[in-house]
């Protein structure tokens, strides 16, 4: 199989030339483009998540040999969560080469955090299947390099940080309630309200419930920490 000019350029940005180009094609094919004769990237995404996790666990242990599990876990979560994968995907312009169905393309799929994050995991798996763990490890460490060095001790997602804030004050964990949904089925917008037991609440709207929950938690955390 010969790669298109765009995918060859992507190989350069990724830093890996595929011996089996069909693996890269599969990695950038979203389920909205799958067919009996065309595999999508969901299985590769599943594998890539695990490869990324192992690379990051090893890297964090090597970087800080004295760190305890309680210190390593939040750093690990910050580096492997979907937001981080999507940021790396944007860094190498993965969105440009994603193969999407018409509905996803029309709804801005090339910019969607979930699609970019999933695609990045699939690409990592494709490198792993093409050339083995060391090759995948090299790609991940190069692309994530500065993030690994700068990840903070208290690197937590907003929902975790808000829950810890509440528990430290004897409150129940926050609730997340969907208060509205708008837009067409192929591009919905969810409004989620994050609520604390003491009555404080903040809302946010995003293209997925997970993103809206994180955004609402971020807003509420900023409010309670501001006093």
N, C-alpha and C. Protein backbone atom coordinates (compact mmCIF):
# COMPACT_ATOMS: atom_id res chain seq x y z
N UNK A 1 0.84 -1.20 0.00
CA UNK A 1 0.00 0.00 0.00
C UNK A 1 0.87 1.25 0.00
N UNK A 2 0.52 2.21 -0.84
CA UNK A 2 1.23 3.48 -0.88
C UNK A 2 0.44 4.53 -0.10
N UNK A 3 1.15 5.32 0.67
CA UNK A 3 0.51 6.37 1.44
C UNK A 3 0.31 7.60 0.58
N UNK A 4 -0.73 8.36 0.89
CA UNK A 4 -0.96 9.64 0.22
C UNK A 4 0.13 10.62 0.64
N UNK A 5 0.22 11.71 -0.09
CA UNK A 5 1.20 12.73 0.25
C UNK A 5 1.00 13.29 1.66
N UNK A 6 -0.27 13.46 2.06
CA UNK A 6 -0.56 13.99 3.40
C UNK A 6 -0.10 13.03 4.49
N UNK A 7 -0.32 11.71 4.27
CA UNK A 7 0.10 10.74 5.28
C UNK A 7 1.61 10.60 5.32
N UNK A 8 2.27 10.75 4.19
CA UNK A 8 3.74 10.73 4.19
C UNK A 8 4.28 11.92 4.98
N UNK A 9 3.66 13.06 4.80
CA UNK A 9 4.06 14.24 5.56
C UNK A 9 3.81 14.03 7.06
N UNK A 10 2.70 13.35 7.36
CA UNK A 10 2.39 13.06 8.76
C UNK A 10 3.44 12.12 9.36
N UNK A 11 3.90 11.13 8.59
CA UNK A 11 4.97 10.26 9.06
C UNK A 11 6.17 11.08 9.51
N UNK A 12 6.49 12.12 8.75
CA UNK A 12 7.61 12.98 9.11
C UNK A 12 7.37 13.71 10.41
N UNK A 13 6.15 14.22 10.61
CA UNK A 13 5.84 14.93 11.86
C UNK A 13 5.83 13.97 13.03
N UNK A 14 5.38 12.75 12.79
CA UNK A 14 5.34 11.72 13.83
C UNK A 14 6.73 11.23 14.17
N UNK A 15 7.59 11.14 13.16
CA UNK A 15 8.94 10.65 13.38
C UNK A 15 9.06 9.15 13.26
N UNK A 16 8.19 8.54 12.47
CA UNK A 16 8.25 7.09 12.27
C UNK A 16 7.79 6.77 10.85
N UNK A 17 8.61 6.04 10.11
CA UNK A 17 8.23 5.60 8.76
C UNK A 17 7.74 4.17 8.86
N UNK A 18 6.53 3.93 8.38
CA UNK A 18 5.88 2.64 8.55
C UNK A 18 6.35 1.62 7.52
N UNK A 19 6.73 0.44 8.03
CA UNK A 19 7.02 -0.69 7.15
C UNK A 19 5.72 -1.26 6.61
N UNK A 20 4.65 -1.14 7.42
CA UNK A 20 3.31 -1.58 7.02
C UNK A 20 2.38 -0.36 7.00
N UNK A 21 2.34 0.36 5.89
CA UNK A 21 1.56 1.61 5.83
C UNK A 21 0.09 1.44 6.17
N UNK A 22 -0.44 0.23 5.93
CA UNK A 22 -1.87 0.02 6.22
C UNK A 22 -2.18 0.22 7.70
N UNK A 23 -1.20 0.04 8.57
CA UNK A 23 -1.42 0.27 10.00
C UNK A 23 -1.69 1.75 10.27
N UNK A 24 -0.96 2.61 9.61
CA UNK A 24 -1.20 4.05 9.79
C UNK A 24 -2.56 4.43 9.22
N UNK A 25 -2.90 3.89 8.07
CA UNK A 25 -4.21 4.19 7.47
C UNK A 25 -5.33 3.79 8.43
N UNK A 26 -5.20 2.62 9.03
CA UNK A 26 -6.22 2.15 9.97
C UNK A 26 -6.26 3.06 11.21
N UNK A 27 -5.10 3.50 11.66
CA UNK A 27 -5.03 4.31 12.87
C UNK A 27 -5.72 5.66 12.71
N UNK A 28 -5.77 6.19 11.50
CA UNK A 28 -6.39 7.49 11.29
C UNK A 28 -7.82 7.39 10.75
N UNK A 29 -8.36 6.17 10.70
CA UNK A 29 -9.71 5.96 10.18
C UNK A 29 -10.72 5.88 11.32
N UNK A 30 -11.56 6.88 11.43
CA UNK A 30 -12.58 6.93 12.48
C UNK A 30 -13.71 5.94 12.17
N UNK A 31 -14.43 5.55 13.19
CA UNK A 31 -15.51 4.57 13.01
C UNK A 31 -16.60 5.07 12.06
N UNK A 32 -16.72 6.38 11.91
CA UNK A 32 -17.72 6.92 10.98
C UNK A 32 -17.36 6.64 9.52
N UNK A 33 -16.12 6.16 9.27
CA UNK A 33 -15.68 5.83 7.92
C UNK A 33 -15.48 4.33 7.73
N UNK A 34 -15.80 3.53 8.75
CA UNK A 34 -15.57 2.08 8.65
C UNK A 34 -16.57 1.44 7.68
N UNK A 35 -16.17 0.30 7.12
CA UNK A 35 -17.01 -0.45 6.21
C UNK A 35 -16.52 -1.89 6.23
N UNK A 36 -17.24 -2.82 5.60
CA UNK A 36 -16.77 -4.22 5.59
C UNK A 36 -15.36 -4.37 5.04
N UNK A 37 -14.94 -3.44 4.20
CA UNK A 37 -13.61 -3.53 3.61
C UNK A 37 -12.63 -2.51 4.18
N UNK A 38 -13.05 -1.81 5.22
CA UNK A 38 -12.18 -0.78 5.80
C UNK A 38 -12.31 -0.82 7.32
N UNK A 39 -11.23 -1.18 8.00
CA UNK A 39 -11.22 -1.24 9.46
C UNK A 39 -11.05 0.16 10.04
N UNK A 40 -11.69 0.40 11.21
CA UNK A 40 -11.50 1.69 11.87
C UNK A 40 -10.43 1.55 12.96
N UNK A 41 -10.25 2.61 13.72
CA UNK A 41 -9.12 2.65 14.66
C UNK A 41 -9.47 2.28 16.10
N UNK A 42 -10.66 1.76 16.34
CA UNK A 42 -11.08 1.53 17.73
C UNK A 42 -10.23 0.47 18.44
N UNK A 43 -9.91 -0.62 17.76
CA UNK A 43 -9.09 -1.65 18.40
C UNK A 43 -7.67 -1.15 18.65
N UNK A 44 -7.16 -0.38 17.71
CA UNK A 44 -5.83 0.20 17.91
C UNK A 44 -5.84 1.20 19.06
N UNK A 45 -6.91 1.96 19.17
CA UNK A 45 -7.04 2.90 20.28
C UNK A 45 -6.94 2.18 21.62
N UNK A 46 -7.62 1.05 21.74
CA UNK A 46 -7.60 0.24 22.97
C UNK A 46 -6.16 -0.17 23.31
N UNK A 47 -5.43 -0.64 22.30
CA UNK A 47 -4.06 -1.07 22.52
C UNK A 47 -3.14 0.11 22.81
N UNK A 48 -3.32 1.19 22.07
CA UNK A 48 -2.45 2.34 22.25
C UNK A 48 -2.54 2.95 23.62
N UNK A 49 -3.72 2.93 24.21
CA UNK A 49 -3.90 3.43 25.57
C UNK A 49 -3.00 2.67 26.54
N UNK A 50 -2.89 1.36 26.35
CA UNK A 50 -2.06 0.53 27.24
C UNK A 50 -0.57 0.74 26.98
N UNK A 51 -0.19 0.88 25.71
CA UNK A 51 1.21 1.14 25.38
C UNK A 51 1.64 2.48 25.97
N UNK A 52 0.82 3.50 25.78
CA UNK A 52 1.11 4.82 26.33
C UNK A 52 1.26 4.74 27.85
N UNK A 53 0.37 4.02 28.50
CA UNK A 53 0.42 3.90 29.95
C UNK A 53 1.72 3.28 30.43
N UNK A 54 2.18 2.23 29.76
CA UNK A 54 3.42 1.58 30.17
C UNK A 54 4.62 2.51 29.97
N UNK A 55 4.65 3.19 28.82
CA UNK A 55 5.76 4.13 28.56
C UNK A 55 5.80 5.22 29.62
N UNK A 56 4.65 5.77 29.97
CA UNK A 56 4.60 6.85 30.95
C UNK A 56 4.96 6.37 32.35
N UNK A 57 4.49 5.19 32.71
CA UNK A 57 4.81 4.65 34.04
C UNK A 57 6.33 4.48 34.18
N UNK A 58 6.95 3.92 33.16
CA UNK A 58 8.41 3.75 33.19
C UNK A 58 9.13 5.09 33.23
N UNK A 59 8.67 6.03 32.42
CA UNK A 59 9.33 7.34 32.35
C UNK A 59 9.25 8.07 33.68
N UNK A 60 8.10 8.01 34.35
CA UNK A 60 7.94 8.69 35.63
C UNK A 60 8.79 8.05 36.72
N UNK A 61 8.87 6.73 36.71
CA UNK A 61 9.72 6.04 37.68
C UNK A 61 11.18 6.40 37.48
N UNK A 62 11.60 6.51 36.23
CA UNK A 62 12.98 6.85 35.92
C UNK A 62 13.29 8.29 36.28
N UNK A 63 12.33 9.16 36.06
CA UNK A 63 12.54 10.59 36.30
C UNK A 63 12.67 10.90 37.78
N UNK A 64 11.90 10.23 38.61
CA UNK A 64 11.93 10.52 40.05
C UNK A 64 11.98 9.19 40.81
N UNK A 65 13.18 8.74 41.12
CA UNK A 65 13.36 7.43 41.73
C UNK A 65 12.90 7.39 43.19
N UNK A 66 12.67 8.54 43.78
CA UNK A 66 12.26 8.56 45.19
C UNK A 66 10.75 8.75 45.36
N UNK A 67 10.04 9.01 44.28
CA UNK A 67 8.61 9.30 44.37
C UNK A 67 7.81 8.08 44.80
N UNK A 68 6.81 8.32 45.63
CA UNK A 68 5.91 7.26 46.07
C UNK A 68 4.71 7.17 45.13
N UNK A 69 3.95 6.08 45.27
CA UNK A 69 2.81 5.86 44.37
C UNK A 69 1.83 7.02 44.41
N UNK A 70 1.61 7.58 45.60
CA UNK A 70 0.68 8.68 45.74
C UNK A 70 1.12 9.94 45.00
N UNK A 71 2.42 10.07 44.79
CA UNK A 71 2.94 11.20 44.02
C UNK A 71 2.92 10.90 42.52
N UNK A 72 3.19 9.65 42.18
CA UNK A 72 3.29 9.27 40.77
C UNK A 72 1.92 9.21 40.08
N UNK A 73 0.91 8.73 40.81
CA UNK A 73 -0.41 8.52 40.19
C UNK A 73 -1.00 9.77 39.55
N UNK A 74 -1.03 10.92 40.25
CA UNK A 74 -1.61 12.11 39.60
C UNK A 74 -0.79 12.60 38.42
N UNK A 75 0.52 12.44 38.48
CA UNK A 75 1.37 12.83 37.35
C UNK A 75 1.05 11.94 36.15
N UNK A 76 0.93 10.65 36.42
CA UNK A 76 0.60 9.68 35.36
C UNK A 76 -0.73 10.03 34.71
N UNK A 77 -1.74 10.27 35.54
CA UNK A 77 -3.07 10.58 35.02
C UNK A 77 -3.06 11.84 34.16
N UNK A 78 -2.27 12.83 34.55
CA UNK A 78 -2.19 14.07 33.78
C UNK A 78 -1.58 13.84 32.41
N UNK A 79 -0.66 12.90 32.30
CA UNK A 79 0.06 12.66 31.05
C UNK A 79 -0.68 11.76 30.08
N UNK A 80 -1.54 10.88 30.59
CA UNK A 80 -2.20 9.92 29.70
C UNK A 80 -3.67 10.24 29.43
N UNK A 81 -4.24 11.20 30.13
CA UNK A 81 -5.66 11.47 29.92
C UNK A 81 -5.91 12.02 28.52
N UNK A 82 -7.15 11.98 28.12
CA UNK A 82 -7.53 12.31 26.74
C UNK A 82 -7.11 13.72 26.35
N UNK A 83 -7.17 14.65 27.29
CA UNK A 83 -6.79 16.03 26.98
C UNK A 83 -5.32 16.12 26.57
N UNK A 84 -4.46 15.38 27.27
CA UNK A 84 -3.03 15.40 26.95
C UNK A 84 -2.79 14.77 25.58
N UNK A 85 -3.47 13.65 25.31
CA UNK A 85 -3.31 13.00 24.00
C UNK A 85 -3.77 13.92 22.88
N UNK A 86 -4.86 14.64 23.11
CA UNK A 86 -5.37 15.56 22.10
C UNK A 86 -4.40 16.71 21.86
N UNK A 87 -3.77 17.20 22.92
CA UNK A 87 -2.78 18.27 22.77
C UNK A 87 -1.61 17.81 21.90
N UNK A 88 -1.14 16.59 22.14
CA UNK A 88 -0.04 16.06 21.33
C UNK A 88 -0.50 15.88 19.88
N UNK A 89 -1.74 15.42 19.70
CA UNK A 89 -2.29 15.26 18.35
C UNK A 89 -2.30 16.58 17.60
N UNK A 90 -2.66 17.65 18.29
CA UNK A 90 -2.65 18.98 17.65
C UNK A 90 -1.22 19.40 17.31
N UNK A 91 -0.30 19.04 18.16
CA UNK A 91 1.10 19.39 17.96
C UNK A 91 1.64 18.84 16.64
N UNK A 92 1.18 17.64 16.25
CA UNK A 92 1.64 17.04 15.00
C UNK A 92 0.58 17.08 13.92
N UNK A 93 -0.47 17.87 14.16
CA UNK A 93 -1.55 18.10 13.18
C UNK A 93 -2.18 16.79 12.71
N UNK A 94 -2.51 15.94 13.68
CA UNK A 94 -3.17 14.68 13.36
C UNK A 94 -4.55 14.90 12.75
N UNK A 95 -5.24 15.93 13.20
CA UNK A 95 -6.57 16.20 12.69
C UNK A 95 -6.63 16.34 11.18
N UNK A 96 -5.56 16.84 10.60
CA UNK A 96 -5.51 17.05 9.16
C UNK A 96 -5.64 15.76 8.37
N UNK A 97 -5.17 14.63 8.95
CA UNK A 97 -5.16 13.37 8.20
C UNK A 97 -6.21 12.37 8.68
N UNK A 98 -7.04 12.74 9.65
CA UNK A 98 -8.08 11.83 10.10
C UNK A 98 -9.08 11.57 8.97
N UNK A 99 -9.47 10.31 8.83
CA UNK A 99 -10.47 9.93 7.83
C UNK A 99 -11.82 9.85 8.54
N UNK A 100 -12.70 10.79 8.22
CA UNK A 100 -13.96 10.93 8.92
C UNK A 100 -15.14 10.81 7.97
N UNK A 101 -16.25 10.30 8.50
CA UNK A 101 -17.49 10.30 7.75
C UNK A 101 -18.02 11.72 7.60
N UNK A 102 -18.97 11.89 6.71
CA UNK A 102 -19.47 13.23 6.41
C UNK A 102 -20.03 13.94 7.64
N UNK A 103 -20.79 13.24 8.47
CA UNK A 103 -21.41 13.89 9.63
C UNK A 103 -20.35 14.39 10.60
N UNK A 104 -19.32 13.58 10.84
CA UNK A 104 -18.25 14.00 11.75
C UNK A 104 -17.46 15.16 11.15
N UNK A 105 -17.23 15.10 9.88
CA UNK A 105 -16.47 16.17 9.22
C UNK A 105 -17.24 17.49 9.29
N UNK A 106 -18.56 17.43 9.05
CA UNK A 106 -19.39 18.63 9.06
C UNK A 106 -19.50 19.23 10.46
N UNK A 107 -19.35 18.40 11.48
CA UNK A 107 -19.49 18.89 12.85
C UNK A 107 -18.15 19.27 13.47
N UNK A 108 -17.12 19.40 12.64
CA UNK A 108 -15.82 19.83 13.15
C UNK A 108 -15.02 18.73 13.82
N UNK A 109 -15.19 17.50 13.34
CA UNK A 109 -14.52 16.36 13.96
C UNK A 109 -13.02 16.46 14.02
N UNK A 110 -12.41 17.15 13.05
CA UNK A 110 -10.95 17.25 13.05
C UNK A 110 -10.41 18.05 14.22
N UNK A 111 -11.29 18.78 14.88
CA UNK A 111 -10.88 19.60 16.04
C UNK A 111 -11.38 19.03 17.36
N UNK A 112 -12.20 17.99 17.32
CA UNK A 112 -12.79 17.46 18.55
C UNK A 112 -11.74 16.77 19.43
N UNK A 113 -11.76 17.13 20.69
CA UNK A 113 -10.77 16.59 21.62
C UNK A 113 -10.83 15.08 21.70
N UNK A 114 -12.03 14.52 21.78
CA UNK A 114 -12.17 13.07 21.92
C UNK A 114 -11.62 12.34 20.70
N UNK A 115 -11.93 12.84 19.51
CA UNK A 115 -11.45 12.19 18.28
C UNK A 115 -9.94 12.29 18.15
N UNK A 116 -9.40 13.45 18.51
CA UNK A 116 -7.95 13.63 18.44
C UNK A 116 -7.24 12.75 19.45
N UNK A 117 -7.77 12.69 20.68
CA UNK A 117 -7.16 11.85 21.70
C UNK A 117 -7.20 10.38 21.33
N UNK A 118 -8.35 9.93 20.85
CA UNK A 118 -8.49 8.53 20.43
C UNK A 118 -7.55 8.22 19.27
N UNK A 119 -7.49 9.16 18.31
CA UNK A 119 -6.62 8.96 17.16
C UNK A 119 -5.15 8.88 17.55
N UNK A 120 -4.74 9.70 18.52
CA UNK A 120 -3.35 9.67 18.96
C UNK A 120 -3.01 8.33 19.59
N UNK A 121 -3.92 7.80 20.40
CA UNK A 121 -3.69 6.48 20.99
C UNK A 121 -3.59 5.41 19.91
N UNK A 122 -4.44 5.52 18.89
CA UNK A 122 -4.41 4.54 17.79
C UNK A 122 -3.10 4.61 17.02
N UNK A 123 -2.58 5.81 16.81
CA UNK A 123 -1.31 5.97 16.11
C UNK A 123 -0.16 5.35 16.92
N UNK A 124 -0.19 5.52 18.23
CA UNK A 124 0.84 4.90 19.08
C UNK A 124 0.79 3.38 18.92
N UNK A 125 -0.41 2.83 18.91
CA UNK A 125 -0.55 1.38 18.74
C UNK A 125 -0.06 0.94 17.37
N UNK A 126 -0.31 1.76 16.35
CA UNK A 126 0.14 1.43 15.01
C UNK A 126 1.66 1.36 14.95
N UNK A 127 2.33 2.29 15.61
CA UNK A 127 3.79 2.26 15.66
C UNK A 127 4.25 1.00 16.39
N UNK A 128 3.59 0.68 17.48
CA UNK A 128 3.93 -0.52 18.26
C UNK A 128 3.77 -1.78 17.42
N UNK A 129 2.66 -1.89 16.70
CA UNK A 129 2.43 -3.07 15.85
C UNK A 129 3.40 -3.12 14.68
N UNK A 130 3.80 -1.98 14.21
CA UNK A 130 4.68 -1.90 13.05
C UNK A 130 6.14 -2.21 13.40
N UNK A 131 6.61 -1.75 14.55
CA UNK A 131 8.06 -1.84 14.83
C UNK A 131 8.40 -2.22 16.26
N UNK A 132 7.40 -2.51 17.11
CA UNK A 132 7.71 -2.98 18.46
C UNK A 132 7.67 -1.89 19.52
N UNK A 133 7.85 -2.33 20.74
CA UNK A 133 7.70 -1.43 21.89
C UNK A 133 8.74 -0.31 21.91
N UNK A 134 9.99 -0.61 21.60
CA UNK A 134 11.03 0.41 21.65
C UNK A 134 10.74 1.55 20.69
N UNK A 135 10.25 1.21 19.50
CA UNK A 135 9.91 2.25 18.54
C UNK A 135 8.77 3.12 19.05
N UNK A 136 7.75 2.48 19.62
CA UNK A 136 6.62 3.23 20.18
C UNK A 136 7.08 4.09 21.35
N UNK A 137 7.94 3.53 22.17
CA UNK A 137 8.47 4.26 23.32
C UNK A 137 9.23 5.51 22.87
N UNK A 138 10.04 5.36 21.84
CA UNK A 138 10.81 6.50 21.32
C UNK A 138 9.90 7.61 20.82
N UNK A 139 8.86 7.23 20.09
CA UNK A 139 7.91 8.22 19.58
C UNK A 139 7.21 8.94 20.72
N UNK A 140 6.71 8.18 21.69
CA UNK A 140 5.98 8.78 22.81
C UNK A 140 6.87 9.72 23.61
N UNK A 141 8.07 9.28 23.94
CA UNK A 141 8.95 10.11 24.76
C UNK A 141 9.35 11.39 24.02
N UNK A 142 9.50 11.31 22.72
CA UNK A 142 9.85 12.51 21.96
C UNK A 142 8.67 13.48 21.93
N UNK A 143 7.48 12.97 21.68
CA UNK A 143 6.31 13.85 21.56
C UNK A 143 5.85 14.40 22.91
N UNK A 144 5.99 13.62 23.95
CA UNK A 144 5.55 14.04 25.29
C UNK A 144 6.69 14.67 26.10
N UNK A 145 7.89 14.73 25.54
CA UNK A 145 9.10 15.07 26.29
C UNK A 145 8.97 16.18 27.32
N UNK A 146 8.63 17.39 26.90
CA UNK A 146 8.57 18.51 27.83
C UNK A 146 7.44 18.34 28.84
N UNK A 147 6.39 17.67 28.44
CA UNK A 147 5.28 17.45 29.35
C UNK A 147 5.71 16.56 30.52
N UNK A 148 6.52 15.56 30.22
CA UNK A 148 6.99 14.66 31.28
C UNK A 148 7.87 15.42 32.26
N UNK A 149 8.73 16.28 31.74
CA UNK A 149 9.64 17.03 32.59
C UNK A 149 8.93 18.07 33.45
N UNK A 150 7.83 18.61 32.94
CA UNK A 150 7.18 19.72 33.64
C UNK A 150 5.90 19.33 34.38
N UNK A 151 5.50 18.05 34.31
CA UNK A 151 4.25 17.66 34.97
C UNK A 151 4.35 17.97 36.46
N UNK A 152 3.30 18.54 36.99
CA UNK A 152 3.34 19.04 38.36
C UNK A 152 3.03 17.95 39.38
N UNK A 153 3.54 18.19 40.56
CA UNK A 153 3.31 17.27 41.68
C UNK A 153 1.82 17.07 41.93
N UNK A 154 1.07 18.17 41.82
CA UNK A 154 -0.36 18.10 42.12
C UNK A 154 -1.21 18.04 40.85
N UNK A 155 -0.59 17.47 39.78
CA UNK A 155 -1.32 17.41 38.50
C UNK A 155 -2.56 16.53 38.64
N UNK A 156 -3.69 17.16 38.70
CA UNK A 156 -4.95 16.43 38.81
C UNK A 156 -5.95 17.06 37.87
N UNK A 157 -6.91 16.27 37.41
CA UNK A 157 -7.96 16.88 36.62
C UNK A 157 -8.90 17.61 37.57
N UNK A 158 -9.70 18.51 37.02
CA UNK A 158 -10.53 19.38 37.85
C UNK A 158 -11.53 18.61 38.69
N UNK A 159 -12.13 17.54 38.14
CA UNK A 159 -13.11 16.77 38.91
C UNK A 159 -12.46 16.13 40.13
N UNK A 160 -11.26 15.60 39.97
CA UNK A 160 -10.56 15.00 41.11
C UNK A 160 -10.23 16.06 42.14
N UNK A 161 -9.73 17.20 41.69
CA UNK A 161 -9.36 18.27 42.61
C UNK A 161 -10.58 18.79 43.38
N UNK A 162 -11.72 18.91 42.69
CA UNK A 162 -12.93 19.39 43.35
C UNK A 162 -13.43 18.38 44.38
N UNK A 163 -13.37 17.10 44.03
CA UNK A 163 -13.79 16.07 44.97
C UNK A 163 -12.92 16.07 46.22
N UNK A 164 -11.60 16.23 46.03
CA UNK A 164 -10.70 16.27 47.18
C UNK A 164 -10.97 17.50 48.04
N UNK A 165 -11.29 18.63 47.40
CA UNK A 165 -11.63 19.85 48.14
C UNK A 165 -12.85 19.60 49.01
N UNK A 166 -13.87 18.97 48.43
CA UNK A 166 -15.10 18.72 49.18
C UNK A 166 -14.87 17.74 50.33
N UNK A 167 -14.16 16.65 50.07
CA UNK A 167 -13.93 15.64 51.09
C UNK A 167 -13.10 16.20 52.24
N UNK A 168 -12.16 17.09 51.94
CA UNK A 168 -11.33 17.68 52.98
C UNK A 168 -12.15 18.54 53.93
N UNK A 169 -13.35 18.94 53.50
CA UNK A 169 -14.22 19.76 54.33
C UNK A 169 -15.44 18.99 54.81
N UNK A 170 -15.37 17.69 54.73
CA UNK A 170 -16.42 16.83 55.24
C UNK A 170 -17.68 16.80 54.41
N UNK A 171 -17.59 17.24 53.15
CA UNK A 171 -18.75 17.24 52.28
C UNK A 171 -18.81 15.97 51.44
N UNK A 172 -20.00 15.68 50.93
CA UNK A 172 -20.16 14.60 49.97
C UNK A 172 -19.49 14.98 48.65
N UNK A 173 -19.13 13.99 47.84
CA UNK A 173 -18.54 14.31 46.53
C UNK A 173 -19.50 15.16 45.70
N UNK A 174 -18.98 15.97 44.79
CA UNK A 174 -19.82 16.82 43.95
C UNK A 174 -20.75 15.98 43.07
N UNK A 175 -21.87 16.56 42.71
CA UNK A 175 -22.80 15.94 41.77
C UNK A 175 -22.67 16.65 40.42
N UNK A 176 -22.89 15.89 39.34
CA UNK A 176 -22.85 16.47 37.99
C UNK A 176 -24.18 16.15 37.32
N UNK A 177 -24.93 17.20 37.02
CA UNK A 177 -26.29 17.04 36.52
C UNK A 177 -26.40 17.66 35.12
N UNK A 178 -26.90 16.89 34.18
CA UNK A 178 -27.14 17.42 32.84
C UNK A 178 -28.40 18.28 32.89
N UNK A 179 -28.24 19.57 32.61
CA UNK A 179 -29.37 20.49 32.69
C UNK A 179 -29.93 20.88 31.33
N UNK A 180 -29.17 20.61 30.27
CA UNK A 180 -29.66 20.95 28.93
C UNK A 180 -28.85 20.20 27.89
N UNK A 181 -29.49 19.99 26.74
CA UNK A 181 -28.82 19.41 25.58
C UNK A 181 -29.37 20.09 24.35
N UNK A 182 -28.48 20.49 23.46
CA UNK A 182 -28.92 21.19 22.25
C UNK A 182 -28.11 20.69 21.06
N UNK A 183 -28.47 21.18 19.88
CA UNK A 183 -27.75 20.82 18.67
C UNK A 183 -28.25 19.53 18.05
N UNK A 184 -27.80 19.24 16.84
CA UNK A 184 -28.23 18.02 16.14
C UNK A 184 -27.60 16.77 16.76
N UNK A 185 -28.13 15.61 16.43
CA UNK A 185 -27.65 14.36 17.01
C UNK A 185 -26.17 14.12 16.72
N UNK A 186 -25.70 14.56 15.53
CA UNK A 186 -24.31 14.29 15.19
C UNK A 186 -23.34 15.29 15.82
N UNK A 187 -23.87 16.37 16.42
CA UNK A 187 -23.00 17.36 17.05
C UNK A 187 -23.70 17.97 18.27
N UNK A 188 -24.02 17.15 19.27
CA UNK A 188 -24.75 17.66 20.43
C UNK A 188 -23.89 18.57 21.30
N UNK A 189 -24.55 19.41 22.05
CA UNK A 189 -23.91 20.26 23.04
C UNK A 189 -24.57 19.97 24.39
N UNK A 190 -23.76 19.63 25.38
CA UNK A 190 -24.28 19.26 26.70
C UNK A 190 -23.97 20.37 27.70
N UNK A 191 -24.97 20.73 28.50
CA UNK A 191 -24.75 21.66 29.61
C UNK A 191 -24.83 20.87 30.91
N UNK A 192 -23.76 20.92 31.66
CA UNK A 192 -23.64 20.18 32.91
C UNK A 192 -23.45 21.15 34.06
N UNK A 193 -24.15 20.91 35.16
CA UNK A 193 -23.97 21.71 36.36
C UNK A 193 -23.26 20.88 37.42
N UNK A 194 -22.15 21.40 37.92
CA UNK A 194 -21.43 20.78 39.04
C UNK A 194 -21.96 21.38 40.33
N UNK A 195 -22.38 20.52 41.27
CA UNK A 195 -23.01 21.00 42.50
C UNK A 195 -22.31 20.43 43.73
N UNK A 196 -22.09 21.28 44.71
CA UNK A 196 -21.57 20.87 46.00
C UNK A 196 -22.70 20.79 47.02
N UNK A 197 -22.48 20.02 48.06
CA UNK A 197 -23.52 19.83 49.08
C UNK A 197 -23.89 21.13 49.78
N UNK A 198 -22.96 22.10 49.80
CA UNK A 198 -23.26 23.37 50.48
C UNK A 198 -24.04 24.34 49.59
N UNK A 199 -24.43 23.87 48.40
CA UNK A 199 -25.27 24.69 47.52
C UNK A 199 -24.54 25.43 46.42
N UNK A 200 -23.24 25.48 46.47
CA UNK A 200 -22.49 26.17 45.42
C UNK A 200 -22.52 25.35 44.13
N UNK A 201 -22.61 26.04 43.00
CA UNK A 201 -22.72 25.33 41.72
C UNK A 201 -22.21 26.21 40.58
N UNK A 202 -21.75 25.55 39.53
CA UNK A 202 -21.34 26.23 38.30
C UNK A 202 -21.70 25.33 37.12
N UNK A 203 -22.00 25.96 35.99
CA UNK A 203 -22.38 25.21 34.79
C UNK A 203 -21.38 25.44 33.66
N UNK A 204 -21.35 24.51 32.73
CA UNK A 204 -20.51 24.64 31.53
C UNK A 204 -21.13 23.84 30.40
N UNK A 205 -20.84 24.24 29.18
CA UNK A 205 -21.37 23.58 27.99
C UNK A 205 -20.22 23.14 27.10
N UNK A 206 -20.32 21.91 26.58
CA UNK A 206 -19.27 21.38 25.70
C UNK A 206 -19.86 20.30 24.80
N UNK A 207 -19.03 19.82 23.88
CA UNK A 207 -19.50 18.84 22.90
C UNK A 207 -19.57 17.41 23.42
N UNK A 208 -19.11 17.16 24.64
CA UNK A 208 -19.27 15.84 25.26
C UNK A 208 -19.56 16.05 26.74
N UNK A 209 -20.22 15.07 27.35
CA UNK A 209 -20.54 15.20 28.78
C UNK A 209 -19.27 15.29 29.61
N UNK A 210 -18.26 14.51 29.23
CA UNK A 210 -17.01 14.50 29.99
C UNK A 210 -16.35 15.88 29.97
N UNK A 211 -16.29 16.48 28.80
CA UNK A 211 -15.69 17.80 28.70
C UNK A 211 -16.49 18.84 29.48
N UNK A 212 -17.81 18.75 29.39
CA UNK A 212 -18.66 19.70 30.11
C UNK A 212 -18.51 19.53 31.62
N UNK A 213 -18.40 18.30 32.09
CA UNK A 213 -18.19 18.05 33.52
C UNK A 213 -16.87 18.64 33.99
N UNK A 214 -15.81 18.44 33.19
CA UNK A 214 -14.50 18.97 33.56
C UNK A 214 -14.53 20.50 33.59
N UNK A 215 -15.19 21.09 32.60
CA UNK A 215 -15.26 22.55 32.54
C UNK A 215 -16.06 23.11 33.71
N UNK A 216 -17.17 22.45 34.05
CA UNK A 216 -17.97 22.90 35.18
C UNK A 216 -17.20 22.75 36.48
N UNK A 217 -16.47 21.65 36.62
CA UNK A 217 -15.65 21.44 37.81
C UNK A 217 -14.55 22.49 37.91
N UNK A 218 -13.96 22.84 36.78
CA UNK A 218 -12.90 23.87 36.77
C UNK A 218 -13.47 25.21 37.25
N UNK A 219 -14.65 25.56 36.75
CA UNK A 219 -15.27 26.83 37.14
C UNK A 219 -15.63 26.83 38.62
N UNK A 220 -16.18 25.72 39.10
CA UNK A 220 -16.59 25.66 40.51
C UNK A 220 -15.37 25.63 41.42
N UNK A 221 -14.33 24.94 41.00
CA UNK A 221 -13.10 24.90 41.81
C UNK A 221 -12.49 26.28 41.93
N UNK A 222 -12.46 27.01 40.83
CA UNK A 222 -11.92 28.37 40.86
C UNK A 222 -12.73 29.24 41.81
N UNK A 223 -14.05 29.04 41.81
CA UNK A 223 -14.92 29.83 42.69
C UNK A 223 -14.68 29.54 44.16
N UNK A 224 -14.64 28.26 44.52
CA UNK A 224 -14.48 27.94 45.95
C UNK A 224 -13.07 28.26 46.46
N UNK A 225 -12.07 28.10 45.58
CA UNK A 225 -10.71 28.41 46.03
C UNK A 225 -10.47 29.91 46.16
N UNK A 226 -11.27 30.69 45.43
CA UNK A 226 -11.15 32.13 45.52
C UNK A 226 -11.77 32.66 46.83
N UNK A 227 -12.53 31.76 47.47
CA UNK A 227 -13.08 32.10 48.78
C UNK A 227 -14.45 32.73 48.71
